[in-house]
N, C-alpha and C. Protein backbone atom coordinates (compact mmCIF):
# COMPACT_ATOMS: atom_id res chain seq x y z
N UNK A 1 -9.97 -15.16 -12.81
CA UNK A 1 -9.34 -15.43 -14.09
C UNK A 1 -8.32 -14.34 -14.39
N UNK A 2 -7.09 -14.77 -14.69
CA UNK A 2 -6.03 -13.81 -14.97
C UNK A 2 -6.08 -13.38 -16.43
N UNK A 3 -5.98 -12.08 -16.64
CA UNK A 3 -5.94 -11.54 -18.00
C UNK A 3 -4.79 -10.56 -18.11
N UNK A 4 -4.09 -10.64 -19.25
CA UNK A 4 -3.03 -9.70 -19.57
C UNK A 4 -3.39 -9.03 -20.89
N UNK A 5 -3.35 -7.71 -20.89
CA UNK A 5 -3.71 -6.97 -22.10
C UNK A 5 -2.56 -6.04 -22.44
N UNK A 6 -1.97 -6.29 -23.63
CA UNK A 6 -0.86 -5.45 -24.09
C UNK A 6 -1.39 -4.30 -24.93
N UNK A 7 -0.65 -3.22 -24.95
CA UNK A 7 -0.97 -2.08 -25.80
C UNK A 7 0.31 -1.34 -26.14
N UNK A 8 0.21 -0.47 -27.14
CA UNK A 8 1.35 0.39 -27.46
C UNK A 8 2.12 0.00 -28.70
N UNK A 9 1.77 -1.11 -29.32
CA UNK A 9 2.47 -1.50 -30.53
C UNK A 9 2.10 -0.61 -31.70
N UNK A 10 2.81 -0.79 -32.81
CA UNK A 10 2.52 0.00 -34.00
C UNK A 10 3.67 0.01 -34.97
N UNK A 11 3.58 0.93 -35.90
CA UNK A 11 4.61 1.11 -36.93
C UNK A 11 5.49 2.29 -36.56
N UNK A 12 6.80 2.08 -36.62
CA UNK A 12 7.73 3.15 -36.28
C UNK A 12 8.93 3.06 -37.23
N UNK A 13 9.53 4.19 -37.50
CA UNK A 13 10.71 4.22 -38.37
C UNK A 13 11.95 3.76 -37.61
N UNK A 14 12.92 3.25 -38.31
CA UNK A 14 14.19 2.90 -37.65
C UNK A 14 14.75 4.09 -36.89
N UNK A 15 15.26 3.79 -35.68
CA UNK A 15 15.76 4.85 -34.83
C UNK A 15 14.71 5.44 -33.90
N UNK A 16 13.46 5.10 -34.13
CA UNK A 16 12.38 5.63 -33.32
C UNK A 16 12.17 4.88 -32.03
N UNK A 17 11.13 5.28 -31.30
CA UNK A 17 10.83 4.71 -29.98
C UNK A 17 9.38 4.30 -29.90
N UNK A 18 9.14 3.31 -29.08
CA UNK A 18 7.78 2.90 -28.72
C UNK A 18 7.79 2.47 -27.26
N UNK A 19 6.64 2.59 -26.64
CA UNK A 19 6.49 2.12 -25.26
C UNK A 19 5.33 1.14 -25.23
N UNK A 20 5.63 -0.09 -24.85
CA UNK A 20 4.60 -1.10 -24.70
C UNK A 20 4.16 -1.16 -23.25
N UNK A 21 2.88 -1.46 -23.06
CA UNK A 21 2.35 -1.59 -21.71
C UNK A 21 1.52 -2.86 -21.62
N UNK A 22 1.58 -3.51 -20.47
CA UNK A 22 0.81 -4.71 -20.23
C UNK A 22 0.08 -4.53 -18.90
N UNK A 23 -1.23 -4.63 -18.95
CA UNK A 23 -2.05 -4.49 -17.75
C UNK A 23 -2.57 -5.86 -17.34
N UNK A 24 -2.35 -6.21 -16.08
CA UNK A 24 -2.78 -7.51 -15.57
C UNK A 24 -3.97 -7.34 -14.65
N UNK A 25 -4.84 -8.32 -14.69
CA UNK A 25 -5.98 -8.34 -13.77
C UNK A 25 -6.21 -9.77 -13.31
N UNK A 26 -6.72 -9.92 -12.10
CA UNK A 26 -7.05 -11.23 -11.59
C UNK A 26 -5.90 -11.99 -10.97
N UNK A 27 -4.74 -11.34 -10.83
CA UNK A 27 -3.57 -12.00 -10.27
C UNK A 27 -2.97 -11.16 -9.15
N UNK A 28 -2.30 -11.84 -8.23
CA UNK A 28 -1.51 -11.12 -7.21
C UNK A 28 -0.21 -10.73 -7.87
N UNK A 29 -0.26 -9.63 -8.58
CA UNK A 29 0.77 -9.22 -9.53
C UNK A 29 2.16 -9.19 -8.90
N UNK A 30 2.24 -8.73 -7.68
CA UNK A 30 3.56 -8.46 -7.08
C UNK A 30 4.39 -9.73 -6.85
N UNK A 31 3.78 -10.91 -6.86
CA UNK A 31 4.57 -12.12 -6.59
C UNK A 31 5.20 -12.69 -7.85
N UNK A 32 4.82 -12.16 -9.01
CA UNK A 32 5.26 -12.71 -10.28
C UNK A 32 6.51 -12.05 -10.82
N UNK A 33 7.32 -12.85 -11.49
CA UNK A 33 8.31 -12.30 -12.40
C UNK A 33 7.57 -11.90 -13.67
N UNK A 34 7.84 -10.70 -14.15
CA UNK A 34 7.17 -10.21 -15.35
C UNK A 34 8.18 -10.16 -16.50
N UNK A 35 7.67 -10.29 -17.70
CA UNK A 35 8.61 -10.30 -18.82
C UNK A 35 7.95 -9.96 -20.13
N UNK A 36 8.79 -9.62 -21.08
CA UNK A 36 8.39 -9.40 -22.46
C UNK A 36 9.16 -10.37 -23.34
N UNK A 37 8.44 -10.97 -24.27
CA UNK A 37 9.00 -11.89 -25.25
C UNK A 37 8.56 -11.41 -26.63
N UNK A 38 9.23 -11.88 -27.65
CA UNK A 38 8.82 -11.51 -29.00
C UNK A 38 8.98 -12.68 -29.95
N UNK A 39 8.16 -12.64 -30.99
CA UNK A 39 8.18 -13.70 -31.99
C UNK A 39 8.04 -13.09 -33.37
N UNK A 40 9.08 -13.25 -34.16
CA UNK A 40 9.05 -12.80 -35.55
C UNK A 40 8.50 -13.93 -36.42
N UNK A 41 7.98 -13.61 -37.61
CA UNK A 41 7.41 -14.65 -38.48
C UNK A 41 8.42 -15.75 -38.76
N UNK A 42 7.99 -16.99 -38.57
CA UNK A 42 8.85 -18.13 -38.86
C UNK A 42 9.92 -18.41 -37.84
N UNK A 43 9.90 -17.68 -36.72
CA UNK A 43 10.93 -17.86 -35.70
C UNK A 43 10.30 -18.23 -34.37
N UNK A 44 11.11 -18.70 -33.45
CA UNK A 44 10.63 -19.05 -32.13
C UNK A 44 10.41 -17.79 -31.31
N UNK A 45 9.65 -17.97 -30.22
CA UNK A 45 9.42 -16.86 -29.31
C UNK A 45 10.64 -16.73 -28.40
N UNK A 46 11.21 -15.53 -28.34
CA UNK A 46 12.43 -15.29 -27.60
C UNK A 46 12.22 -14.30 -26.47
N UNK A 47 13.01 -14.44 -25.45
CA UNK A 47 13.00 -13.51 -24.34
C UNK A 47 13.55 -12.16 -24.78
N UNK A 48 12.88 -11.10 -24.34
CA UNK A 48 13.37 -9.74 -24.56
C UNK A 48 13.91 -9.18 -23.25
N UNK A 49 13.08 -9.22 -22.22
CA UNK A 49 13.47 -8.66 -20.93
C UNK A 49 12.57 -9.23 -19.84
N UNK A 50 13.13 -9.40 -18.65
CA UNK A 50 12.34 -9.82 -17.50
C UNK A 50 12.71 -8.99 -16.28
N UNK A 51 11.79 -8.97 -15.34
CA UNK A 51 12.03 -8.31 -14.06
C UNK A 51 11.39 -9.17 -12.97
N UNK A 52 12.20 -9.53 -11.97
CA UNK A 52 11.67 -10.33 -10.87
C UNK A 52 10.82 -9.48 -9.93
N UNK A 53 10.16 -10.14 -8.99
CA UNK A 53 9.37 -9.38 -8.02
C UNK A 53 10.27 -8.57 -7.10
N UNK A 54 11.57 -8.87 -7.09
CA UNK A 54 12.51 -8.08 -6.32
C UNK A 54 13.15 -6.95 -7.10
N UNK A 55 12.84 -6.87 -8.39
CA UNK A 55 13.35 -5.77 -9.21
C UNK A 55 14.58 -6.10 -10.04
N UNK A 56 15.08 -7.33 -9.96
CA UNK A 56 16.23 -7.70 -10.79
C UNK A 56 15.80 -7.85 -12.24
N UNK A 57 16.64 -7.36 -13.15
CA UNK A 57 16.30 -7.39 -14.55
C UNK A 57 17.26 -8.27 -15.35
N UNK A 58 16.77 -8.73 -16.48
CA UNK A 58 17.56 -9.50 -17.42
C UNK A 58 17.13 -9.11 -18.82
N UNK A 59 18.10 -8.88 -19.70
CA UNK A 59 17.80 -8.45 -21.06
C UNK A 59 18.50 -9.36 -22.07
N UNK A 60 17.86 -9.54 -23.20
CA UNK A 60 18.53 -10.18 -24.31
C UNK A 60 19.68 -9.28 -24.77
N UNK A 61 20.77 -9.90 -25.20
CA UNK A 61 21.92 -9.10 -25.63
C UNK A 61 21.56 -8.13 -26.74
N UNK A 62 20.64 -8.52 -27.59
CA UNK A 62 20.28 -7.71 -28.75
C UNK A 62 19.56 -6.42 -28.39
N UNK A 63 19.05 -6.32 -27.16
CA UNK A 63 18.28 -5.12 -26.78
C UNK A 63 18.93 -4.35 -25.64
N UNK A 64 20.01 -4.87 -25.08
CA UNK A 64 20.67 -4.18 -23.97
C UNK A 64 21.09 -2.77 -24.38
N UNK A 65 20.79 -1.83 -23.51
CA UNK A 65 21.13 -0.44 -23.77
C UNK A 65 20.09 0.30 -24.60
N UNK A 66 19.13 -0.42 -25.15
CA UNK A 66 18.09 0.20 -25.97
C UNK A 66 16.70 0.06 -25.34
N UNK A 67 16.46 -1.06 -24.70
CA UNK A 67 15.15 -1.34 -24.11
C UNK A 67 15.24 -1.28 -22.58
N UNK A 68 14.15 -0.87 -21.95
CA UNK A 68 14.08 -0.83 -20.50
C UNK A 68 12.73 -1.39 -20.04
N UNK A 69 12.79 -2.36 -19.14
CA UNK A 69 11.57 -2.93 -18.58
C UNK A 69 11.31 -2.28 -17.23
N UNK A 70 10.04 -2.05 -16.93
CA UNK A 70 9.68 -1.49 -15.64
C UNK A 70 8.33 -2.07 -15.21
N UNK A 71 8.08 -2.02 -13.91
CA UNK A 71 6.80 -2.52 -13.41
C UNK A 71 6.25 -1.59 -12.35
N UNK A 72 4.94 -1.58 -12.23
CA UNK A 72 4.26 -0.80 -11.22
C UNK A 72 3.30 -1.75 -10.50
N UNK A 73 3.70 -2.22 -9.34
CA UNK A 73 2.88 -3.20 -8.62
C UNK A 73 1.56 -2.61 -8.12
N UNK A 74 1.53 -1.31 -7.93
CA UNK A 74 0.29 -0.67 -7.49
C UNK A 74 -0.75 -0.64 -8.61
N UNK A 75 -0.26 -0.54 -9.84
CA UNK A 75 -1.17 -0.48 -10.98
C UNK A 75 -1.27 -1.81 -11.73
N UNK A 76 -0.48 -2.80 -11.31
CA UNK A 76 -0.46 -4.11 -11.98
C UNK A 76 -0.09 -3.97 -13.46
N UNK A 77 0.96 -3.20 -13.71
CA UNK A 77 1.39 -3.01 -15.08
C UNK A 77 2.89 -3.29 -15.23
N UNK A 78 3.26 -3.70 -16.42
CA UNK A 78 4.66 -3.84 -16.79
C UNK A 78 4.84 -3.19 -18.14
N UNK A 79 5.83 -2.33 -18.26
CA UNK A 79 6.08 -1.58 -19.48
C UNK A 79 7.41 -1.99 -20.09
N UNK A 80 7.52 -1.73 -21.38
CA UNK A 80 8.78 -1.92 -22.09
C UNK A 80 9.03 -0.68 -22.93
N UNK A 81 10.00 0.10 -22.53
CA UNK A 81 10.41 1.28 -23.30
C UNK A 81 11.44 0.82 -24.32
N UNK A 82 11.16 1.07 -25.58
CA UNK A 82 12.03 0.62 -26.65
C UNK A 82 12.54 1.83 -27.42
N UNK A 83 13.84 2.03 -27.40
CA UNK A 83 14.48 3.15 -28.09
C UNK A 83 15.42 2.63 -29.17
N UNK A 84 15.78 3.51 -30.07
CA UNK A 84 16.72 3.16 -31.15
C UNK A 84 16.28 1.88 -31.85
N UNK A 85 15.04 1.84 -32.22
CA UNK A 85 14.49 0.62 -32.81
C UNK A 85 15.10 0.31 -34.16
N UNK A 86 15.25 -0.98 -34.42
CA UNK A 86 15.85 -1.47 -35.66
C UNK A 86 14.83 -2.35 -36.38
N UNK A 87 14.97 -2.51 -37.69
CA UNK A 87 14.05 -3.39 -38.41
C UNK A 87 14.00 -4.80 -37.83
N UNK A 88 15.11 -5.28 -37.31
CA UNK A 88 15.13 -6.63 -36.74
C UNK A 88 14.37 -6.73 -35.42
N UNK A 89 13.90 -5.62 -34.89
CA UNK A 89 13.04 -5.66 -33.71
C UNK A 89 11.59 -5.94 -34.08
N UNK A 90 11.30 -5.97 -35.36
CA UNK A 90 9.93 -6.25 -35.81
C UNK A 90 9.49 -7.63 -35.36
N UNK A 91 8.36 -7.68 -34.67
CA UNK A 91 7.85 -8.94 -34.13
C UNK A 91 6.53 -8.68 -33.42
N UNK A 92 5.87 -9.76 -33.05
CA UNK A 92 4.76 -9.66 -32.10
C UNK A 92 5.36 -9.77 -30.71
N UNK A 93 5.03 -8.82 -29.86
CA UNK A 93 5.57 -8.77 -28.50
C UNK A 93 4.50 -9.25 -27.52
N UNK A 94 4.95 -10.14 -26.63
CA UNK A 94 4.04 -10.76 -25.67
C UNK A 94 4.49 -10.46 -24.25
N UNK A 95 3.53 -10.19 -23.41
CA UNK A 95 3.75 -10.01 -21.99
C UNK A 95 3.56 -11.36 -21.30
N UNK A 96 4.36 -11.62 -20.27
CA UNK A 96 4.25 -12.87 -19.55
C UNK A 96 4.38 -12.64 -18.06
N UNK A 97 3.54 -13.34 -17.29
CA UNK A 97 3.72 -13.44 -15.85
C UNK A 97 4.23 -14.85 -15.55
N UNK A 98 5.37 -14.95 -14.90
CA UNK A 98 5.91 -16.25 -14.51
C UNK A 98 5.74 -16.41 -13.01
N UNK A 99 4.92 -17.39 -12.65
CA UNK A 99 4.62 -17.56 -11.25
C UNK A 99 5.73 -18.25 -10.49
N UNK A 100 5.74 -18.09 -9.16
CA UNK A 100 6.64 -18.87 -8.32
C UNK A 100 6.24 -20.34 -8.36
N UNK A 101 7.04 -21.19 -7.72
CA UNK A 101 6.79 -22.62 -7.75
C UNK A 101 5.36 -22.93 -7.32
N UNK A 102 4.69 -23.69 -8.15
CA UNK A 102 3.32 -24.07 -7.85
C UNK A 102 2.28 -23.15 -8.44
N UNK A 103 2.71 -22.04 -9.01
CA UNK A 103 1.79 -21.11 -9.65
C UNK A 103 1.90 -21.24 -11.17
N UNK A 104 0.81 -21.02 -11.88
CA UNK A 104 0.88 -21.09 -13.34
C UNK A 104 1.52 -19.85 -13.94
N UNK A 105 1.85 -19.95 -15.24
CA UNK A 105 2.32 -18.81 -16.01
C UNK A 105 1.17 -18.28 -16.86
N UNK A 106 1.25 -17.02 -17.21
CA UNK A 106 0.21 -16.40 -18.02
C UNK A 106 0.84 -15.58 -19.14
N UNK A 107 0.15 -15.59 -20.30
CA UNK A 107 0.60 -14.84 -21.46
C UNK A 107 -0.49 -13.88 -21.92
N UNK A 108 -0.04 -12.74 -22.46
CA UNK A 108 -0.96 -11.84 -23.11
C UNK A 108 -1.20 -12.28 -24.55
N UNK A 109 -2.03 -11.53 -25.26
CA UNK A 109 -2.41 -11.91 -26.62
C UNK A 109 -1.42 -11.42 -27.66
N UNK A 110 -0.54 -10.51 -27.28
CA UNK A 110 0.49 -10.01 -28.17
C UNK A 110 0.11 -8.70 -28.82
N UNK A 111 1.13 -7.91 -29.14
CA UNK A 111 0.95 -6.65 -29.85
C UNK A 111 2.04 -6.54 -30.91
N UNK A 112 1.65 -6.13 -32.10
CA UNK A 112 2.58 -6.08 -33.23
C UNK A 112 3.43 -4.82 -33.17
N UNK A 113 4.73 -5.01 -33.35
CA UNK A 113 5.66 -3.90 -33.50
C UNK A 113 6.35 -4.06 -34.85
N UNK A 114 6.24 -3.04 -35.67
CA UNK A 114 6.87 -3.06 -36.99
C UNK A 114 7.79 -1.87 -37.12
N UNK A 115 9.05 -2.14 -37.42
CA UNK A 115 10.05 -1.09 -37.58
C UNK A 115 10.44 -1.06 -39.06
N UNK A 116 10.02 -0.01 -39.72
CA UNK A 116 10.24 0.08 -41.16
C UNK A 116 10.17 1.52 -41.61
N UNK A 117 10.95 1.83 -42.65
CA UNK A 117 10.90 3.16 -43.24
C UNK A 117 9.90 3.18 -44.40
C-alpha cells in the first residue's frame, strides 16, 4: 500500500520561507514523476511544481524563481523549498506521485501553509 506523508507546513510571515517534505512508502519511488499541488479555499487544485524521474522540472508561473522542487530517490522523498512567500501562496499543499502508463497516481493528505502577518 502506497502512502505519502507531507510535513513542514505552518504559519509564516510574508517574505519568509518554508520547506515542505513528502515521504513515500510502498512504491518504487524512482519511476514516478513527483509533484506538489495546492488548493486554496473555494478554488481548484493547481500545479505548483513537478519533477520527472529524469530530473526535469516544471513550475507554475506564479512560483518560478521562488520555489524549488527536489527529490531524493534513496530516501523516497520530495521536497519543496518555498522562499519569498506571499499571502496568495496560502493553501493546502499536496504531494503527488504520477505513475507511468499503467500505474496509478497517489496523493498525500495535504499540509496547510498560511502566509500572513
